C-alpha atoms as a PDB file:
ATOM      1  CA  MET A   1     -49.488 -37.087  20.621  1.00  0.00           C
ATOM      2  CA  ALA A   2     -47.001 -36.286  17.346  1.00  0.00           C
ATOM      3  CA  ARG A   3     -45.666 -38.861  15.235  1.00  0.00           C
ATOM      4  CA  GLY A   4     -42.161 -39.399  14.731  1.00  0.00           C
ATOM      5  CA  GLY A   5     -41.261 -40.302  11.096  1.00  0.00           C
ATOM      6  CA  GLY A   6     -44.386 -38.475   9.392  1.00  0.00           C
ATOM      7  CA  THR A   7     -43.953 -40.552   6.160  1.00  0.00           C
ATOM      8  CA  SER A   8     -46.214 -43.219   7.053  1.00  0.00           C
ATOM      9  CA  GLN A   9     -48.786 -44.294   4.189  1.00  0.00           C
ATOM     10  CA  GLU A  10     -51.608 -45.554   6.542  1.00  0.00           C
ATOM     11  CA  THR A  11     -52.581 -42.553   8.770  1.00  0.00           C
ATOM     12  CA  GLY A  12     -54.072 -38.977   8.028  1.00  0.00           C
ATOM     13  CA  ALA A  13     -51.135 -37.106   9.552  1.00  0.00           C
ATOM     14  CA  VAL A  14     -49.400 -34.691   7.537  1.00  0.00           C
ATOM     15  CA  GLY A  15     -47.009 -36.225   5.077  1.00  0.00           C
ATOM     16  CA  THR A  16     -49.232 -39.323   4.818  1.00  0.00           C
ATOM     17  CA  PRO A  17     -51.093 -40.531   1.732  1.00  0.00           C
ATOM     18  CA  ARG A  18     -54.045 -38.410   2.666  1.00  0.00           C
ATOM     19  CA  ARG A  19     -51.501 -35.660   1.932  1.00  0.00           C
ATOM     20  CA  ALA A  20     -53.892 -33.906  -0.524  1.00  0.00           C
ATOM     21  CA  SER A  21     -56.674 -33.877   1.770  1.00  0.00           C
ATOM     22  CA  SER A  22     -54.298 -32.783   4.859  1.00  0.00           C
ATOM     23  CA  ARG A  23     -53.027 -29.843   2.427  1.00  0.00           C
ATOM     24  CA  GLN A  24     -56.793 -28.728   1.679  1.00  0.00           C
ATOM     25  CA  MET A  25     -57.580 -28.953   5.443  1.00  0.00           C
ATOM     26  CA  LEU A  26     -54.660 -26.647   5.832  1.00  0.00           C
ATOM     27  CA  ALA A  27     -55.644 -24.218   3.346  1.00  0.00           C
ATOM     28  CA  ARG A  28     -59.194 -23.991   5.114  1.00  0.00           C
ATOM     29  CA  VAL A  29     -57.868 -23.600   8.373  1.00  0.00           C
ATOM     30  CA  ARG A  30     -55.327 -20.993   7.308  1.00  0.00           C
ATOM     31  CA  ALA A  31     -58.175 -19.077   6.048  1.00  0.00           C
ATOM     32  CA  PHE A  32     -59.459 -17.970   9.291  1.00  0.00           C
ATOM     33  CA  ALA A  33     -56.294 -16.222  10.505  1.00  0.00           C
ATOM     34  CA  PRO A  34     -56.444 -13.045   8.592  1.00  0.00           C
ATOM     35  CA  LEU A  35     -60.053 -12.664   9.912  1.00  0.00           C
ATOM     36  CA  ALA A  36     -58.914 -13.437  13.681  1.00  0.00           C
ATOM     37  CA  ALA A  37     -56.105 -10.648  12.966  1.00  0.00           C
ATOM     38  CA  ALA A  38     -59.072  -8.058  11.762  1.00  0.00           C
ATOM     39  CA  GLY A  39     -60.231  -7.528  15.326  1.00  0.00           C
ATOM     40  CA  ALA A  40     -56.782  -6.440  16.266  1.00  0.00           C
ATOM     41  CA  LEU A  41     -56.380  -4.205  13.263  1.00  0.00           C
ATOM     42  CA  GLY A  42     -59.743  -2.662  14.101  1.00  0.00           C
ATOM     43  CA  VAL A  43     -57.947  -0.916  17.107  1.00  0.00           C
ATOM     44  CA  LEU A  44     -55.832   1.209  15.356  1.00  0.00           C
ATOM     45  CA  THR A  45     -56.498   5.029  15.805  1.00  0.00           C
ATOM     46  CA  VAL A  46     -56.055   7.751  13.537  1.00  0.00           C
ATOM     47  CA  ALA A  47     -52.959   8.777  15.216  1.00  0.00           C
ATOM     48  CA  ALA A  48     -51.193   5.568  14.848  1.00  0.00           C
ATOM     49  CA  GLY A  49     -52.200   5.202  11.208  1.00  0.00           C
ATOM     50  CA  VAL A  50     -49.227   6.624   9.762  1.00  0.00           C
ATOM     51  CA  GLY A  51     -46.871   4.495  11.945  1.00  0.00           C
ATOM     52  CA  PHE A  52     -49.077   1.724  11.104  1.00  0.00           C
ATOM     53  CA  ALA A  53     -48.332   2.363   7.152  1.00  0.00           C
ATOM     54  CA  LEU A  54     -44.930   2.768   7.461  1.00  0.00           C
ATOM     55  CA  ALA A  55     -44.273  -0.288   9.576  1.00  0.00           C
ATOM     56  CA  LEU A  56     -45.791  -2.359   6.822  1.00  0.00           C
ATOM     57  CA  ALA A  57     -43.855  -0.627   4.071  1.00  0.00           C
ATOM     58  CA  ARG A  58     -40.389  -0.805   6.214  1.00  0.00           C
ATOM     59  CA  PRO A  59     -40.324  -3.537   8.371  1.00  0.00           C
ATOM     60  CA  ASP A  60     -36.734  -2.408   8.899  1.00  0.00           C
ATOM     61  CA  LEU A  61     -37.631   0.864  10.325  1.00  0.00           C
ATOM     62  CA  ASP A  62     -37.500   1.716  13.872  1.00  0.00           C
ATOM     63  CA  LEU A  63     -40.661   3.798  14.719  1.00  0.00           C
ATOM     64  CA  GLY A  64     -40.299   3.807  18.500  1.00  0.00           C
ATOM     65  CA  PRO A  65     -43.398   3.412  20.488  1.00  0.00           C
ATOM     66  CA  ALA A  66     -45.404   2.696  17.068  1.00  0.00           C
ATOM     67  CA  SER A  67     -43.612  -0.615  16.766  1.00  0.00           C
ATOM     68  CA  ASN A  68     -44.829  -2.255  19.567  1.00  0.00           C
ATOM     69  CA  LEU A  69     -48.763  -1.947  18.543  1.00  0.00           C
ATOM     70  CA  LEU A  70     -50.254  -5.154  18.483  1.00  0.00           C
ATOM     71  CA  ALA A  71     -51.638  -4.293  15.137  1.00  0.00           C
ATOM     72  CA  VAL A  72     -48.546  -3.605  13.743  1.00  0.00           C
ATOM     73  CA  HIS A  73     -47.012  -7.029  14.855  1.00  0.00           C
ATOM     74  CA  GLU A  74     -50.150  -8.827  13.541  1.00  0.00           C
ATOM     75  CA  ALA A  75     -50.124  -7.202  10.192  1.00  0.00           C
ATOM     76  CA  ARG A  76     -46.282  -7.925   9.811  1.00  0.00           C
ATOM     77  CA  ALA A  77     -47.174 -11.477  10.691  1.00  0.00           C
ATOM     78  CA  GLU A  78     -49.884 -11.642   8.575  1.00  0.00           C
ATOM     79  CA  THR A  79     -47.996  -9.941   5.710  1.00  0.00           C
ATOM     80  CA  ALA A  80     -44.802 -12.496   6.165  1.00  0.00           C
ATOM     81  CA  LEU A  81     -47.041 -15.505   6.710  1.00  0.00           C
ATOM     82  CA  ALA A  82     -48.866 -14.749   3.251  1.00  0.00           C
ATOM     83  CA  ALA A  83     -45.489 -14.444   1.761  1.00  0.00           C
ATOM     84  CA  GLY A  84     -44.384 -17.712   3.277  1.00  0.00           C
ATOM     85  CA  ASP A  85     -41.490 -16.224   5.005  1.00  0.00           C
ATOM     86  CA  LEU A  86     -42.199 -18.376   8.345  1.00  0.00           C
ATOM     87  CA  GLU A  87     -39.314 -16.837  10.095  1.00  0.00           C
ATOM     88  CA  ALA A  88     -40.826 -13.550   9.793  1.00  0.00           C
ATOM     89  CA  ALA A  89     -43.823 -14.258  10.846  1.00  0.00           C
ATOM     90  CA  GLU A  90     -42.843 -16.128  13.945  1.00  0.00           C
ATOM     91  CA  ALA A  91     -40.714 -12.882  15.190  1.00  0.00           C
ATOM     92  CA  SER A  92     -43.839 -11.056  14.540  1.00  0.00           C
ATOM     93  CA  THR A  93     -46.032 -13.479  16.224  1.00  0.00           C
ATOM     94  CA  ARG A  94     -43.496 -13.592  19.478  1.00  0.00           C
ATOM     95  CA  ALA A  95     -43.461  -9.841  19.360  1.00  0.00           C
ATOM     96  CA  ALA A  96     -47.649  -9.722  19.311  1.00  0.00           C
ATOM     97  CA  LEU A  97     -47.640 -11.999  22.133  1.00  0.00           C
ATOM     98  CA  ALA A  98     -45.305  -9.893  24.087  1.00  0.00           C
ATOM     99  CA  GLU A  99     -47.294  -6.848  23.614  1.00  0.00           C
ATOM    100  CA  ALA A 100     -50.581  -8.843  24.483  1.00  0.00           C
ATOM    101  CA  PRO A 101     -50.382 -12.568  25.812  1.00  0.00           C
ATOM    102  CA  LEU A 102     -54.005 -13.113  26.384  1.00  0.00           C
ATOM    103  CA  THR A 103     -54.787 -12.334  22.666  1.00  0.00           C
ATOM    104  CA  SER A 104     -56.228 -15.745  21.544  1.00  0.00           C
ATOM    105  CA  HIS A 105     -55.827 -15.626  17.661  1.00  0.00           C
ATOM    106  CA  VAL A 106     -52.164 -14.644  18.318  1.00  0.00           C
ATOM    107  CA  TRP A 107     -51.789 -18.343  19.847  1.00  0.00           C
ATOM    108  CA  ALA A 108     -53.827 -19.620  16.944  1.00  0.00           C
ATOM    109  CA  ARG A 109     -51.073 -18.441  14.447  1.00  0.00           C
ATOM    110  CA  GLN A 110     -48.479 -19.501  16.513  1.00  0.00           C
ATOM    111  CA  ALA A 111     -49.951 -22.809  16.587  1.00  0.00           C
ATOM    112  CA  LEU A 112     -50.306 -22.642  12.887  1.00  0.00           C
ATOM    113  CA  LEU A 113     -46.746 -21.724  12.431  1.00  0.00           C
ATOM    114  CA  ALA A 114     -45.353 -24.456  14.877  1.00  0.00           C
ATOM    115  CA  TYR A 115     -47.448 -27.052  12.687  1.00  0.00           C
ATOM    116  CA  ARG A 116     -45.887 -25.891   9.408  1.00  0.00           C
ATOM    117  CA  ARG A 117     -42.228 -25.999  11.073  1.00  0.00           C
ATOM    118  CA  GLU A 118     -42.780 -29.003  12.928  1.00  0.00           C
ATOM    119  CA  GLY A 119     -44.334 -30.768   9.831  1.00  0.00           C
ATOM    120  CA  GLN A 120     -46.952 -32.526  12.229  1.00  0.00           C
ATOM    121  CA  LEU A 121     -48.687 -32.066  15.376  1.00  0.00           C
ATOM    122  CA  GLY A 122     -45.753 -31.793  17.653  1.00  0.00           C
ATOM    123  CA  PRO A 123     -44.896 -30.510  20.919  1.00  0.00           C
ATOM    124  CA  ALA A 124     -44.563 -26.816  20.222  1.00  0.00           C
ATOM    125  CA  THR A 125     -47.890 -26.805  18.122  1.00  0.00           C
ATOM    126  CA  VAL A 126     -49.835 -28.446  21.206  1.00  0.00           C
ATOM    127  CA  ALA A 127     -48.279 -26.150  23.871  1.00  0.00           C
ATOM    128  CA  ALA A 128     -49.707 -23.267  21.665  1.00  0.00           C
ATOM    129  CA  LEU A 129     -53.056 -24.789  21.016  1.00  0.00           C
ATOM    130  CA  GLU A 130     -53.295 -25.377  24.731  1.00  0.00           C
ATOM    131  CA  ARG A 131     -52.258 -21.777  25.546  1.00  0.00           C
ATOM    132  CA  SER A 132     -55.047 -20.665  22.900  1.00  0.00           C
ATOM    133  CA  TYR A 133     -57.509 -22.511  25.502  1.00  0.00           C
ATOM    134  CA  ALA A 134     -56.205 -20.963  28.467  1.00  0.00           C
ATOM    135  CA  VAL A 135     -56.848 -17.929  27.203  1.00  0.00           C
ATOM    136  CA  ALA A 136     -59.848 -18.395  25.374  1.00  0.00           C
ATOM    137  CA  PRO A 137     -61.712 -21.533  26.149  1.00  0.00           C
ATOM    138  CA  TYR A 138     -64.851 -20.947  24.073  1.00  0.00           C
ATOM    139  CA  GLY A 139     -63.465 -18.167  21.483  1.00  0.00           C
ATOM    140  CA  PRO A 140     -65.272 -16.937  20.067  1.00  0.00           C
ATOM    141  CA  ASP A 141     -63.138 -15.429  17.051  1.00  0.00           C
ATOM    142  CA  ILE A 142     -60.894 -18.619  16.636  1.00  0.00           C
ATOM    143  CA  THR A 143     -63.555 -21.294  17.444  1.00  0.00           C
ATOM    144  CA  GLU A 144     -64.125 -22.596  14.131  1.00  0.00           C
ATOM    145  CA  TRP A 145     -60.290 -22.219  13.201  1.00  0.00           C
ATOM    146  CA  ARG A 146     -59.231 -24.165  16.064  1.00  0.00           C
ATOM    147  CA  LEU A 147     -61.792 -26.976  15.978  1.00  0.00           C
ATOM    148  CA  ALA A 148     -61.365 -27.520  12.100  1.00  0.00           C
ATOM    149  CA  PHE A 149     -57.585 -28.054  12.832  1.00  0.00           C
ATOM    150  CA  LEU A 150     -58.111 -30.229  15.992  1.00  0.00           C
ATOM    151  CA  LEU A 151     -61.041 -32.313  14.269  1.00  0.00           C
ATOM    152  CA  GLU A 152     -58.535 -33.379  11.506  1.00  0.00           C
ATOM    153  CA  HIS A 153     -55.753 -34.382  13.844  1.00  0.00           C
ATOM    154  CA  TRP A 154     -58.140 -35.874  16.289  1.00  0.00           C
ATOM    155  CA  GLY A 155     -56.129 -39.236  16.729  1.00  0.00           C
ATOM    156  CA  GLU A 156     -53.151 -37.404  17.602  1.00  0.00           C
ATOM    157  CA  LEU A 157     -54.504 -35.152  20.347  1.00  0.00           C
ATOM    158  CA  PRO A 158     -53.434 -35.601  24.067  1.00  0.00           C
ATOM    159  CA  PRO A 159     -56.478 -36.277  25.962  1.00  0.00           C
ATOM    160  CA  GLN A 160     -57.035 -32.428  27.884  1.00  0.00           C
ATOM    161  CA  LEU A 161     -56.785 -31.068  24.103  1.00  0.00           C
ATOM    162  CA  ARG A 162     -59.546 -33.597  23.236  1.00  0.00           C
ATOM    163  CA  ALA A 163     -61.841 -32.586  26.201  1.00  0.00           C
ATOM    164  CA  SER A 164     -61.277 -28.863  25.667  1.00  0.00           C
ATOM    165  CA  ALA A 165     -62.365 -29.414  21.665  1.00  0.00           C
ATOM    166  CA  LEU A 166     -65.359 -31.375  22.627  1.00  0.00           C
ATOM    167  CA  ASP A 167     -66.489 -28.703  25.527  1.00  0.00           C
ATOM    168  CA  GLU A 168     -65.897 -25.889  22.790  1.00  0.00           C
ATOM    169  CA  LEU A 169     -67.862 -27.733  20.291  1.00  0.00           C
ATOM    170  CA  LYS A 170     -70.735 -28.355  22.383  1.00  0.00           C
ATOM    171  CA  VAL A 171     -70.865 -24.884  23.207  1.00  0.00           C
ATOM    172  CA  LEU A 172     -70.794 -23.748  19.512  1.00  0.00           C
ATOM    173  CA  ALA A 173     -73.513 -26.299  19.012  1.00  0.00           C
ATOM    174  CA  THR A 174     -75.515 -24.988  21.559  1.00  0.00           C
ATOM    175  CA  TYR A 175     -75.590 -21.574  20.423  1.00  0.00           C
ATOM    176  CA  ARG A 176     -74.541 -21.579  16.875  1.00  0.00           C
ATOM    177  CA  PRO A 177     -75.669 -25.203  15.736  1.00  0.00           C
ATOM    178  CA  GLY A 178     -75.520 -23.986  12.023  1.00  0.00           C
ATOM    179  CA  PRO A 179     -71.858 -23.065  12.070  1.00  0.00           C
ATOM    180  CA  ALA A 180     -71.543 -26.120  13.973  1.00  0.00           C
ATOM    181  CA  GLN A 181     -73.192 -28.376  11.647  1.00  0.00           C
ATOM    182  CA  ALA A 182     -70.979 -26.809   8.853  1.00  0.00           C
ATOM    183  CA  LEU A 183     -67.707 -27.472  10.633  1.00  0.00           C
ATOM    184  CA  ALA A 184     -68.526 -31.125  10.995  1.00  0.00           C
ATOM    185  CA  GLY A 185     -69.359 -31.431   7.397  1.00  0.00           C
ATOM    186  CA  MET A 186     -66.012 -30.152   6.495  1.00  0.00           C
ATOM    187  CA  VAL A 187     -63.789 -32.352   8.589  1.00  0.00           C
ATOM    188  CA  SER A 188     -62.413 -35.512   6.469  1.00  0.00           C
ATOM    189  CA  ASP A 189     -60.723 -37.314   9.257  1.00  0.00           C
ATOM    190  CA  PRO A 190     -63.081 -40.323  10.138  1.00  0.00           C
ATOM    191  CA  SER A 191     -62.434 -40.070  14.120  1.00  0.00           C
ATOM    192  CA  GLY A 192     -62.583 -36.419  14.120  1.00  0.00           C
ATOM    193  CA  ARG A 193     -66.193 -36.446  12.117  1.00  0.00           C
ATOM    194  CA  LEU A 194     -67.100 -39.199  14.582  1.00  0.00           C
ATOM    195  CA  ALA A 195     -66.341 -36.810  17.520  1.00  0.00           C
ATOM    196  CA  ALA A 196     -67.895 -33.829  16.165  1.00  0.00           C
ATOM    197  CA  THR A 197     -71.084 -35.479  15.557  1.00  0.00           C
ATOM    198  CA  ALA A 198     -71.323 -36.806  19.220  1.00  0.00           C
ATOM    199  CA  ALA A 199     -70.605 -33.623  20.579  1.00  0.00           C
ATOM    200  CA  ILE A 200     -73.037 -31.542  18.536  1.00  0.00           C
ATOM    201  CA  ARG A 201     -75.602 -34.001  19.570  1.00  0.00           C
ATOM    202  CA  LEU A 202     -74.949 -33.718  23.050  1.00  0.00           C
ATOM    203  CA  GLY A 203     -74.810 -29.673  22.799  1.00  0.00           C
ATOM    204  CA  GLN A 204     -77.980 -29.996  21.014  1.00  0.00           C
ATOM    205  CA  LEU A 205     -79.635 -32.034  23.642  1.00  0.00           C
ATOM    206  CA  GLU A 206     -78.325 -29.773  26.484  1.00  0.00           C
ATOM    207  CA  ALA A 207     -80.052 -26.569  24.536  1.00  0.00           C
ATOM    208  CA  ARG A 208     -83.353 -28.762  24.201  1.00  0.00           C
ATOM    209  CA  ARG A 209     -83.087 -29.470  28.305  1.00  0.00           C
ATOM    210  CA  ALA A 210     -82.294 -25.925  28.791  1.00  0.00           C
ATOM    211  CA  GLN A 211     -85.160 -24.879  26.875  1.00  0.00           C
ATOM    212  CA  ALA A 212     -87.689 -27.082  28.337  1.00  0.00           C
ATOM    213  CA  GLY A 213     -86.358 -26.290  32.026  1.00  0.00           C
END
């Protein structure tokens, strides 16, 4: 699963000679997080708008019930993450999970934060990714983020997480072949790219069989 040293010069894990490509991957993966949060932000009502604005402007202010809104916690987490304040981002993400533990993109952010904290695909990162699959095995709002992340760390994944990723990728290839192919083309890890290609072919084969039947 996770590697202990994180300083090897032979693998593609974070902290290795493919450090530049790993940073580029993380930047690509990171770009999906605000898009996922937008779904939660869209549920704000006009009545909650003032409390939401105050929550962003004054994180130290106790707004009572307004401070418990999922969208408030999400916005605070995204703002803190963008500013590089991982401690504040984790606190707001935990608050969001307490408010809505079945929200898949919050678990995705938890995985990203754990990854940045651990510096590798450690136990906390794996646990958050597994929870994201338990909540939403086929996305769809975090599918591309999650698969991009997992495929770049393919050699480090435990078997169950690999199986979940392959299953999700086959479904993506069946119903959205274009995005599936684009995703596979972004993967720099050779083993992840090979796994993506095989899963996409299986998904397309199953789609043709379904049409023929």
